[in-house]
Amino acid sequence: MSSSINKVFDNVPDCVGYLILNADGSIEHSHGDLQNNEQVASQLYKIVLCAAKVSVHPTKHLAFKRFTISGDQYVYCIACANNRIYVAKRRQESSALA
């Protein structure tokens, strides 16, 4: 199973690490910059729990499917599926205007 997971994240451009968390926030798989990083996993899990409380629809309670957290150097792409949280850490594309 681990090799098939690696193949999925190998297709993510500029991916420097990934986490797969289960429904209680525990790390199931990790690699690269996020290898066994419990602190980042805990912070991202709290963000996902908070985001899940906010509906993306004005009248129905519809949770997000995926979202992105952008920083100066890295972007965290987060998606939830199959009772798991998938996180890819990617290098931020440099701006042509910078």
N, C-alpha and C. Protein backbone atom coordinates (compact mmCIF):
# COMPACT_ATOMS: atom_id res chain seq x y z
N MET A 1 0.82 -1.20 0.00
CA MET A 1 0.00 0.00 0.00
C MET A 1 0.86 1.25 0.00
N SER A 2 1.96 1.21 0.72
CA SER A 2 2.81 2.38 0.82
C SER A 2 3.35 2.80 -0.54
N SER A 3 3.72 1.84 -1.38
CA SER A 3 4.27 2.20 -2.69
C SER A 3 3.21 2.86 -3.58
N SER A 4 1.95 2.42 -3.49
CA SER A 4 0.90 3.05 -4.29
C SER A 4 0.63 4.48 -3.80
N ILE A 5 0.76 4.70 -2.50
CA ILE A 5 0.61 6.06 -1.95
C ILE A 5 1.73 6.94 -2.45
N ASN A 6 2.96 6.43 -2.44
CA ASN A 6 4.09 7.21 -2.94
C ASN A 6 3.87 7.61 -4.38
N LYS A 7 3.31 6.73 -5.19
CA LYS A 7 3.08 7.04 -6.60
C LYS A 7 2.09 8.18 -6.75
N VAL A 8 1.07 8.23 -5.91
CA VAL A 8 0.09 9.32 -5.97
C VAL A 8 0.77 10.65 -5.68
N PHE A 9 1.57 10.69 -4.63
CA PHE A 9 2.21 11.95 -4.27
C PHE A 9 3.38 12.29 -5.20
N ASP A 10 3.94 11.30 -5.89
CA ASP A 10 4.99 11.57 -6.88
C ASP A 10 4.45 12.41 -8.03
N ASN A 11 3.14 12.34 -8.27
CA ASN A 11 2.52 13.10 -9.35
C ASN A 11 2.20 14.54 -8.95
N VAL A 12 2.40 14.90 -7.70
CA VAL A 12 2.13 16.27 -7.24
C VAL A 12 3.36 17.12 -7.56
N PRO A 13 3.20 18.16 -8.39
CA PRO A 13 4.36 18.99 -8.74
C PRO A 13 4.98 19.67 -7.53
N ASP A 14 6.29 19.68 -7.48
CA ASP A 14 7.05 20.37 -6.43
C ASP A 14 6.74 19.87 -5.02
N CYS A 15 6.29 18.63 -4.89
CA CYS A 15 5.96 18.06 -3.58
C CYS A 15 7.25 17.75 -2.83
N VAL A 16 7.37 18.29 -1.61
CA VAL A 16 8.56 18.04 -0.79
C VAL A 16 8.23 17.17 0.42
N GLY A 17 6.95 16.83 0.59
CA GLY A 17 6.56 15.95 1.68
C GLY A 17 5.06 15.78 1.73
N TYR A 18 4.62 14.73 2.44
CA TYR A 18 3.19 14.52 2.58
C TYR A 18 2.86 13.85 3.89
N LEU A 19 1.61 14.01 4.29
CA LEU A 19 1.03 13.35 5.47
C LEU A 19 -0.30 12.74 5.06
N ILE A 20 -0.59 11.60 5.64
CA ILE A 20 -1.94 11.05 5.58
C ILE A 20 -2.33 10.78 7.03
N LEU A 21 -3.39 11.48 7.45
CA LEU A 21 -3.87 11.36 8.83
C LEU A 21 -5.17 10.58 8.84
N ASN A 22 -5.39 9.81 9.91
CA ASN A 22 -6.69 9.14 10.02
C ASN A 22 -7.68 10.08 10.70
N ALA A 23 -8.88 9.62 10.95
CA ALA A 23 -9.96 10.48 11.44
C ALA A 23 -9.68 11.10 12.80
N ASP A 24 -8.80 10.50 13.60
CA ASP A 24 -8.48 11.08 14.91
C ASP A 24 -7.20 11.92 14.89
N GLY A 25 -6.62 12.12 13.70
CA GLY A 25 -5.44 12.98 13.57
C GLY A 25 -4.11 12.26 13.67
N SER A 26 -4.13 10.96 13.86
CA SER A 26 -2.88 10.20 13.93
C SER A 26 -2.29 10.02 12.54
N ILE A 27 -0.96 10.03 12.48
CA ILE A 27 -0.27 9.86 11.21
C ILE A 27 -0.32 8.40 10.78
N GLU A 28 -0.86 8.17 9.58
CA GLU A 28 -0.85 6.82 9.00
C GLU A 28 0.36 6.64 8.10
N HIS A 29 0.66 7.65 7.29
CA HIS A 29 1.81 7.62 6.39
C HIS A 29 2.39 9.02 6.34
N SER A 30 3.69 9.10 6.12
CA SER A 30 4.34 10.40 5.96
C SER A 30 5.63 10.20 5.17
N HIS A 31 6.11 11.30 4.61
CA HIS A 31 7.31 11.22 3.79
C HIS A 31 7.91 12.62 3.65
N GLY A 32 9.19 12.68 3.34
CA GLY A 32 9.86 13.94 3.03
C GLY A 32 9.91 14.90 4.21
N ASP A 33 9.67 16.18 3.94
CA ASP A 33 9.72 17.23 4.97
C ASP A 33 8.74 16.97 6.11
N LEU A 34 7.69 16.23 5.86
CA LEU A 34 6.66 15.99 6.88
C LEU A 34 6.79 14.61 7.54
N GLN A 35 7.89 13.91 7.28
CA GLN A 35 8.11 12.57 7.83
C GLN A 35 7.99 12.59 9.35
N ASN A 36 6.98 11.89 9.87
CA ASN A 36 6.75 11.75 11.32
C ASN A 36 6.69 13.09 12.06
N ASN A 37 6.24 14.14 11.40
CA ASN A 37 6.18 15.47 12.03
C ASN A 37 4.85 15.61 12.78
N GLU A 38 4.86 15.18 14.03
CA GLU A 38 3.65 15.20 14.86
C GLU A 38 3.14 16.62 15.11
N GLN A 39 4.05 17.56 15.25
CA GLN A 39 3.65 18.95 15.52
C GLN A 39 2.85 19.53 14.35
N VAL A 40 3.35 19.38 13.14
CA VAL A 40 2.63 19.89 11.96
C VAL A 40 1.33 19.12 11.79
N ALA A 41 1.37 17.81 11.99
CA ALA A 41 0.15 17.00 11.86
C ALA A 41 -0.92 17.49 12.83
N SER A 42 -0.55 17.77 14.06
CA SER A 42 -1.50 18.25 15.06
C SER A 42 -2.09 19.61 14.68
N GLN A 43 -1.24 20.51 14.21
CA GLN A 43 -1.72 21.83 13.81
C GLN A 43 -2.66 21.75 12.61
N LEU A 44 -2.29 20.96 11.62
CA LEU A 44 -3.15 20.83 10.44
C LEU A 44 -4.46 20.14 10.78
N TYR A 45 -4.42 19.17 11.68
CA TYR A 45 -5.64 18.49 12.11
C TYR A 45 -6.61 19.48 12.78
N LYS A 46 -6.08 20.36 13.62
CA LYS A 46 -6.91 21.37 14.27
C LYS A 46 -7.52 22.33 13.25
N ILE A 47 -6.74 22.70 12.24
CA ILE A 47 -7.25 23.57 11.18
C ILE A 47 -8.37 22.89 10.42
N VAL A 48 -8.19 21.61 10.10
CA VAL A 48 -9.22 20.86 9.37
C VAL A 48 -10.50 20.76 10.20
N LEU A 49 -10.36 20.49 11.50
CA LEU A 49 -11.55 20.41 12.36
C LEU A 49 -12.29 21.73 12.39
N CYS A 50 -11.56 22.82 12.48
CA CYS A 50 -12.17 24.15 12.50
C CYS A 50 -12.84 24.45 11.16
N ALA A 51 -12.16 24.14 10.06
CA ALA A 51 -12.71 24.41 8.73
C ALA A 51 -13.95 23.56 8.47
N ALA A 52 -14.00 22.37 9.02
CA ALA A 52 -15.14 21.48 8.80
C ALA A 52 -16.42 22.03 9.42
N LYS A 53 -16.28 22.91 10.40
CA LYS A 53 -17.45 23.51 11.05
C LYS A 53 -18.09 24.61 10.22
N VAL A 54 -17.37 25.11 9.23
CA VAL A 54 -17.84 26.22 8.40
C VAL A 54 -18.44 25.65 7.12
N SER A 55 -19.67 26.00 6.85
CA SER A 55 -20.33 25.52 5.63
C SER A 55 -19.86 26.34 4.43
N VAL A 56 -19.71 25.67 3.31
CA VAL A 56 -19.33 26.36 2.07
C VAL A 56 -20.56 26.73 1.24
N HIS A 57 -21.75 26.50 1.82
CA HIS A 57 -23.00 26.82 1.14
C HIS A 57 -23.84 27.70 2.08
N PRO A 58 -24.53 28.71 1.54
CA PRO A 58 -25.25 29.64 2.42
C PRO A 58 -26.44 29.03 3.17
N THR A 59 -27.09 28.00 2.63
CA THR A 59 -28.28 27.47 3.30
C THR A 59 -28.14 26.01 3.74
N LYS A 60 -27.27 25.26 3.13
CA LYS A 60 -27.05 23.86 3.51
C LYS A 60 -25.71 23.73 4.21
N HIS A 61 -25.60 22.73 5.07
CA HIS A 61 -24.30 22.49 5.70
C HIS A 61 -23.47 21.57 4.81
N LEU A 62 -22.65 22.17 3.98
CA LEU A 62 -21.76 21.43 3.10
C LEU A 62 -20.33 21.76 3.48
N ALA A 63 -19.57 20.75 3.82
CA ALA A 63 -18.17 20.97 4.21
C ALA A 63 -17.28 21.05 2.97
N PHE A 64 -16.08 21.55 3.17
CA PHE A 64 -15.11 21.66 2.08
C PHE A 64 -14.70 20.26 1.60
N LYS A 65 -14.18 20.21 0.40
CA LYS A 65 -13.58 18.97 -0.11
C LYS A 65 -12.07 19.07 -0.06
N ARG A 66 -11.57 20.27 -0.34
CA ARG A 66 -10.12 20.50 -0.26
C ARG A 66 -9.88 22.00 -0.09
N PHE A 67 -8.73 22.32 0.46
CA PHE A 67 -8.33 23.71 0.57
C PHE A 67 -6.82 23.81 0.63
N THR A 68 -6.33 25.03 0.52
CA THR A 68 -4.89 25.28 0.46
C THR A 68 -4.51 26.32 1.49
N ILE A 69 -3.39 26.09 2.14
CA ILE A 69 -2.80 27.06 3.06
C ILE A 69 -1.50 27.53 2.42
N SER A 70 -1.40 28.82 2.15
CA SER A 70 -0.22 29.36 1.47
C SER A 70 0.66 30.12 2.43
N GLY A 71 1.95 29.89 2.32
CA GLY A 71 2.94 30.64 3.08
C GLY A 71 3.91 31.28 2.10
N ASP A 72 5.00 31.84 2.63
CA ASP A 72 5.98 32.49 1.76
C ASP A 72 6.72 31.50 0.86
N GLN A 73 7.08 30.33 1.44
CA GLN A 73 7.88 29.38 0.68
C GLN A 73 7.13 28.11 0.28
N TYR A 74 6.10 27.76 1.06
CA TYR A 74 5.42 26.49 0.84
C TYR A 74 3.91 26.64 0.81
N VAL A 75 3.26 25.69 0.16
CA VAL A 75 1.81 25.60 0.10
C VAL A 75 1.43 24.22 0.63
N TYR A 76 0.45 24.17 1.52
CA TYR A 76 -0.07 22.91 2.02
C TYR A 76 -1.42 22.68 1.34
N CYS A 77 -1.50 21.65 0.53
CA CYS A 77 -2.75 21.28 -0.15
C CYS A 77 -3.40 20.18 0.67
N ILE A 78 -4.63 20.41 1.12
CA ILE A 78 -5.30 19.50 2.04
C ILE A 78 -6.61 19.03 1.43
N ALA A 79 -6.83 17.73 1.50
CA ALA A 79 -8.09 17.14 1.01
C ALA A 79 -8.53 16.07 2.00
N CYS A 80 -9.83 15.90 2.10
CA CYS A 80 -10.40 14.88 2.98
C CYS A 80 -11.20 13.90 2.13
N ALA A 81 -10.94 12.60 2.36
CA ALA A 81 -11.67 11.54 1.66
C ALA A 81 -11.45 10.23 2.41
N ASN A 82 -12.45 9.36 2.36
CA ASN A 82 -12.35 8.03 2.95
C ASN A 82 -11.90 8.05 4.42
N ASN A 83 -12.44 9.02 5.18
CA ASN A 83 -12.10 9.17 6.60
C ASN A 83 -10.61 9.42 6.83
N ARG A 84 -9.97 10.05 5.87
CA ARG A 84 -8.55 10.39 6.00
C ARG A 84 -8.34 11.84 5.56
N ILE A 85 -7.26 12.41 6.06
CA ILE A 85 -6.86 13.75 5.67
C ILE A 85 -5.54 13.62 4.92
N TYR A 86 -5.52 14.11 3.69
CA TYR A 86 -4.34 14.03 2.84
C TYR A 86 -3.72 15.41 2.74
N VAL A 87 -2.42 15.51 3.02
CA VAL A 87 -1.72 16.79 2.99
C VAL A 87 -0.48 16.65 2.12
N ALA A 88 -0.34 17.53 1.15
CA ALA A 88 0.88 17.61 0.34
C ALA A 88 1.53 18.95 0.60
N LYS A 89 2.81 18.93 0.93
CA LYS A 89 3.57 20.17 1.11
C LYS A 89 4.33 20.42 -0.19
N ARG A 90 4.03 21.57 -0.81
CA ARG A 90 4.63 21.92 -2.09
C ARG A 90 5.42 23.21 -1.99
N ARG A 91 6.46 23.31 -2.80
CA ARG A 91 7.20 24.57 -2.90
C ARG A 91 6.29 25.62 -3.53
N GLN A 92 6.31 26.81 -2.97
CA GLN A 92 5.54 27.93 -3.52
C GLN A 92 6.19 28.38 -4.82
N GLU A 93 5.39 28.56 -5.85
CA GLU A 93 5.92 29.07 -7.11
C GLU A 93 6.37 30.50 -6.91
N SER A 94 7.54 30.82 -7.42
CA SER A 94 8.03 32.19 -7.27
C SER A 94 7.27 33.11 -8.21
N SER A 95 6.97 34.28 -7.72
CA SER A 95 6.21 35.25 -8.52
C SER A 95 7.13 35.92 -9.54
N ALA A 96 6.66 36.09 -10.73
CA ALA A 96 7.43 36.76 -11.76
C ALA A 96 7.58 38.25 -11.44
N LEU A 97 6.69 38.77 -10.61
CA LEU A 97 6.73 40.21 -10.27
C LEU A 97 7.61 40.49 -9.07
N ALA A 98 8.03 39.47 -8.35
CA ALA A 98 8.80 39.69 -7.12
C ALA A 98 10.21 40.12 -7.41
